[in-house]
Amino acid sequence: MHDDDRCPCLSGDTYGACCGRYHSGAATAPTAEALMRSRYSAFAVGDEAYLLATWAPQTRPDTAGVGDEQWRRLDIHRTERGGPFDTSGVVEFTAFYRSPATGTRASLHETSRFVRTDGRWYYVDGDREAR
């Protein structure tokens, strides 16, 4: 992915001006929603290191589960707290993807929980529903 490509999170910004700056370490996500969008984009570009680095240590797995899915669209349904002065937040979303191996289209609905520690947002866990 190039900095001038459209960001996979569909914010309307370029990758370099949006999630790319978080992936490169040039900036940190200021809100839980920004972190969630950047994590979605990390799945889309296959950046497992970023996914693991932004996962809360107490719930972080050994691998992030990056596969060969082609992530197509992200819909944010709601956010609770998660602002720059909050210590926790919730983001509910649906992510749409296609499996290149089978051609199957599917979606993942999740209500994700985030925590802010030492000024940085981390993904804790989420309630998932595959569709």
C-alpha atoms as a PDB file:
ATOM      1  CA  MET A   1       0.000   0.000   0.000  1.00  0.00           C
ATOM      2  CA  HIS A   2       1.284   3.451  -0.892  1.00  0.00           C
ATOM      3  CA  ASP A   3       0.807   6.594   1.191  1.00  0.00           C
ATOM      4  CA  ASP A   4      -1.285   8.216  -1.564  1.00  0.00           C
ATOM      5  CA  ASP A   5      -3.668   5.230  -1.932  1.00  0.00           C
ATOM      6  CA  ARG A   6      -7.124   5.445  -0.391  1.00  0.00           C
ATOM      7  CA  CYS A   7      -7.041   4.236   3.213  1.00  0.00           C
ATOM      8  CA  PRO A   8      -8.643   0.791   3.673  1.00  0.00           C
ATOM      9  CA  CYS A   9     -10.673   2.083   6.648  1.00  0.00           C
ATOM     10  CA  LEU A  10     -12.665   4.225   4.165  1.00  0.00           C
ATOM     11  CA  SER A  11     -12.225   7.440   6.124  1.00  0.00           C
ATOM     12  CA  GLY A  12     -11.885   9.318   2.853  1.00  0.00           C
ATOM     13  CA  ASP A  13      -8.242  10.189   3.558  1.00  0.00           C
ATOM     14  CA  THR A  14      -5.159   8.720   1.983  1.00  0.00           C
ATOM     15  CA  TYR A  15      -3.407   5.840   3.719  1.00  0.00           C
ATOM     16  CA  GLY A  16      -0.421   8.065   4.591  1.00  0.00           C
ATOM     17  CA  ALA A  17      -2.632  10.761   6.148  1.00  0.00           C
ATOM     18  CA  CYS A  18      -4.806   8.229   7.959  1.00  0.00           C
ATOM     19  CA  CYS A  19      -3.882   4.752   9.236  1.00  0.00           C
ATOM     20  CA  GLY A  20      -0.464   4.602   7.567  1.00  0.00           C
ATOM     21  CA  ARG A  21       0.967   7.129  10.031  1.00  0.00           C
ATOM     22  CA  TYR A  22      -0.101   4.887  12.926  1.00  0.00           C
ATOM     23  CA  HIS A  23       1.269   1.753  11.250  1.00  0.00           C
ATOM     24  CA  SER A  24       4.637   3.434  10.665  1.00  0.00           C
ATOM     25  CA  GLY A  25       4.847   4.708  14.245  1.00  0.00           C
ATOM     26  CA  ALA A  26       4.838   8.368  13.178  1.00  0.00           C
ATOM     27  CA  ALA A  27       1.748   8.929  15.364  1.00  0.00           C
ATOM     28  CA  THR A  28      -0.483   7.081  17.802  1.00  0.00           C
ATOM     29  CA  ALA A  29      -4.241   6.760  17.479  1.00  0.00           C
ATOM     30  CA  PRO A  30      -5.871   9.559  19.527  1.00  0.00           C
ATOM     31  CA  THR A  31      -9.196   7.753  20.072  1.00  0.00           C
ATOM     32  CA  ALA A  32     -10.536   4.221  20.409  1.00  0.00           C
ATOM     33  CA  GLU A  33     -12.292   4.580  17.037  1.00  0.00           C
ATOM     34  CA  ALA A  34      -9.079   5.718  15.340  1.00  0.00           C
ATOM     35  CA  LEU A  35      -7.287   2.687  16.802  1.00  0.00           C
ATOM     36  CA  MET A  36     -10.090   0.382  15.667  1.00  0.00           C
ATOM     37  CA  ARG A  37      -9.927   1.809  12.136  1.00  0.00           C
ATOM     38  CA  SER A  38      -6.140   1.450  12.086  1.00  0.00           C
ATOM     39  CA  ARG A  39      -6.404  -2.158  13.256  1.00  0.00           C
ATOM     40  CA  TYR A  40      -8.915  -2.902  10.483  1.00  0.00           C
ATOM     41  CA  SER A  41      -6.471  -1.343   8.005  1.00  0.00           C
ATOM     42  CA  ALA A  42      -3.646  -3.436   9.481  1.00  0.00           C
ATOM     43  CA  PHE A  43      -5.660  -6.575   8.711  1.00  0.00           C
ATOM     44  CA  ALA A  44      -6.259  -5.235   5.184  1.00  0.00           C
ATOM     45  CA  VAL A  45      -2.537  -4.641   4.531  1.00  0.00           C
ATOM     46  CA  GLY A  46      -1.301  -7.673   6.520  1.00  0.00           C
ATOM     47  CA  ASP A  47       0.522  -5.746   9.269  1.00  0.00           C
ATOM     48  CA  GLU A  48       0.490  -8.356  12.050  1.00  0.00           C
ATOM     49  CA  ALA A  49       3.205  -6.551  14.038  1.00  0.00           C
ATOM     50  CA  TYR A  50       0.973  -3.484  14.399  1.00  0.00           C
ATOM     51  CA  LEU A  51      -1.996  -5.616  15.425  1.00  0.00           C
ATOM     52  CA  LEU A  52       0.016  -7.294  18.175  1.00  0.00           C
ATOM     53  CA  ALA A  53       1.598  -4.012  19.336  1.00  0.00           C
ATOM     54  CA  THR A  54      -1.856  -2.421  19.763  1.00  0.00           C
ATOM     55  CA  TRP A  55      -3.347  -5.414  21.601  1.00  0.00           C
ATOM     56  CA  ALA A  56      -3.536  -5.073  25.399  1.00  0.00           C
ATOM     57  CA  PRO A  57      -0.826  -7.272  26.961  1.00  0.00           C
ATOM     58  CA  GLN A  58      -3.286  -9.052  29.265  1.00  0.00           C
ATOM     59  CA  THR A  59      -5.339 -10.418  26.309  1.00  0.00           C
ATOM     60  CA  ARG A  60      -2.744 -10.458  23.489  1.00  0.00           C
ATOM     61  CA  PRO A  61      -2.451 -13.806  21.646  1.00  0.00           C
ATOM     62  CA  ASP A  62       0.746 -15.158  20.109  1.00  0.00           C
ATOM     63  CA  THR A  63      -0.487 -14.343  16.600  1.00  0.00           C
ATOM     64  CA  ALA A  64      -3.059 -11.860  15.356  1.00  0.00           C
ATOM     65  CA  GLY A  65      -4.660 -14.206  12.840  1.00  0.00           C
ATOM     66  CA  VAL A  66      -3.873 -12.250   9.694  1.00  0.00           C
ATOM     67  CA  GLY A  67      -5.073 -14.363   6.790  1.00  0.00           C
ATOM     68  CA  ASP A  68      -5.588 -14.011   3.091  1.00  0.00           C
ATOM     69  CA  GLU A  69      -8.991 -12.347   3.379  1.00  0.00           C
ATOM     70  CA  GLN A  70      -9.591  -9.329   1.191  1.00  0.00           C
ATOM     71  CA  TRP A  71     -11.101  -6.721   3.474  1.00  0.00           C
ATOM     72  CA  ARG A  72     -13.613  -4.632   1.506  1.00  0.00           C
ATOM     73  CA  ARG A  73     -15.580  -2.303   3.758  1.00  0.00           C
ATOM     74  CA  LEU A  74     -15.808  -1.079   7.325  1.00  0.00           C
ATOM     75  CA  ASP A  75     -19.023   0.270   8.842  1.00  0.00           C
ATOM     76  CA  ILE A  76     -18.853   1.909  12.281  1.00  0.00           C
ATOM     77  CA  HIS A  77     -22.220   1.564  14.049  1.00  0.00           C
ATOM     78  CA  ARG A  78     -21.525   3.295  17.348  1.00  0.00           C
ATOM     79  CA  THR A  79     -18.868   4.403  19.788  1.00  0.00           C
ATOM     80  CA  GLU A  80     -19.073   4.857  23.543  1.00  0.00           C
ATOM     81  CA  ARG A  81     -16.453   6.988  25.264  1.00  0.00           C
ATOM     82  CA  GLY A  82     -13.026   6.343  23.762  1.00  0.00           C
ATOM     83  CA  GLY A  83     -12.107   9.995  23.371  1.00  0.00           C
ATOM     84  CA  PRO A  84      -8.719  11.585  24.017  1.00  0.00           C
ATOM     85  CA  PHE A  85      -9.495  12.105  27.720  1.00  0.00           C
ATOM     86  CA  ASP A  86     -11.192   8.743  28.399  1.00  0.00           C
ATOM     87  CA  THR A  87      -9.510   5.632  29.778  1.00  0.00           C
ATOM     88  CA  SER A  88     -11.840   3.136  28.095  1.00  0.00           C
ATOM     89  CA  GLY A  89     -14.038   2.928  25.040  1.00  0.00           C
ATOM     90  CA  VAL A  90     -16.277   0.700  22.969  1.00  0.00           C
ATOM     91  CA  VAL A  91     -16.617   0.588  19.182  1.00  0.00           C
ATOM     92  CA  GLU A  92     -19.250  -1.484  17.401  1.00  0.00           C
ATOM     93  CA  PHE A  93     -18.577  -2.221  13.741  1.00  0.00           C
ATOM     94  CA  THR A  94     -19.112  -4.569  10.831  1.00  0.00           C
ATOM     95  CA  ALA A  95     -16.189  -5.498   8.569  1.00  0.00           C
ATOM     96  CA  PHE A  96     -16.898  -7.039   5.166  1.00  0.00           C
ATOM     97  CA  TYR A  97     -14.442  -9.349   3.448  1.00  0.00           C
ATOM     98  CA  ARG A  98     -13.988 -11.887   0.691  1.00  0.00           C
ATOM     99  CA  SER A  99     -12.062 -15.135   0.837  1.00  0.00           C
ATOM    100  CA  PRO A 100      -9.922 -15.425  -2.318  1.00  0.00           C
ATOM    101  CA  ALA A 101      -9.611 -19.210  -1.897  1.00  0.00           C
ATOM    102  CA  THR A 102     -13.355 -19.821  -2.076  1.00  0.00           C
ATOM    103  CA  GLY A 103     -14.725 -16.546  -3.444  1.00  0.00           C
ATOM    104  CA  THR A 104     -17.084 -16.437  -0.458  1.00  0.00           C
ATOM    105  CA  ARG A 105     -18.190 -13.060   0.850  1.00  0.00           C
ATOM    106  CA  ALA A 106     -18.843 -12.647   4.553  1.00  0.00           C
ATOM    107  CA  SER A 107     -18.835 -10.123   7.348  1.00  0.00           C
ATOM    108  CA  LEU A 108     -17.726  -9.859  10.929  1.00  0.00           C
ATOM    109  CA  HIS A 109     -19.789  -7.902  13.437  1.00  0.00           C
ATOM    110  CA  GLU A 110     -17.970  -6.998  16.666  1.00  0.00           C
ATOM    111  CA  THR A 111     -18.389  -4.845  19.713  1.00  0.00           C
ATOM    112  CA  SER A 112     -14.779  -4.124  20.682  1.00  0.00           C
ATOM    113  CA  ARG A 113     -13.460  -2.891  24.005  1.00  0.00           C
ATOM    114  CA  PHE A 114     -10.452  -0.590  24.296  1.00  0.00           C
ATOM    115  CA  VAL A 115      -8.377   0.789  27.124  1.00  0.00           C
ATOM    116  CA  ARG A 116      -6.009   3.763  27.240  1.00  0.00           C
ATOM    117  CA  THR A 117      -2.829   3.177  29.220  1.00  0.00           C
ATOM    118  CA  ASP A 118       0.016   5.714  29.489  1.00  0.00           C
ATOM    119  CA  GLY A 119      -1.626   7.820  26.783  1.00  0.00           C
ATOM    120  CA  ARG A 120      -1.947   4.965  24.236  1.00  0.00           C
ATOM    121  CA  TRP A 121      -5.063   3.106  23.150  1.00  0.00           C
ATOM    122  CA  TYR A 122      -5.085  -0.717  23.120  1.00  0.00           C
ATOM    123  CA  TYR A 123      -7.604  -3.274  21.908  1.00  0.00           C
ATOM    124  CA  VAL A 124      -8.689  -5.497  24.815  1.00  0.00           C
ATOM    125  CA  ASP A 125     -11.265  -7.885  23.374  1.00  0.00           C
ATOM    126  CA  GLY A 126     -14.614  -8.019  21.655  1.00  0.00           C
ATOM    127  CA  ASP A 127     -17.890  -9.839  21.261  1.00  0.00           C
ATOM    128  CA  ARG A 128     -17.910 -11.241  17.715  1.00  0.00           C
ATOM    129  CA  GLU A 129     -20.523 -12.549  15.381  1.00  0.00           C
ATOM    130  CA  ALA A 130     -19.508 -13.906  11.992  1.00  0.00           C
ATOM    131  CA  ARG A 131     -22.149 -13.568   9.278  1.00  0.00           C
END
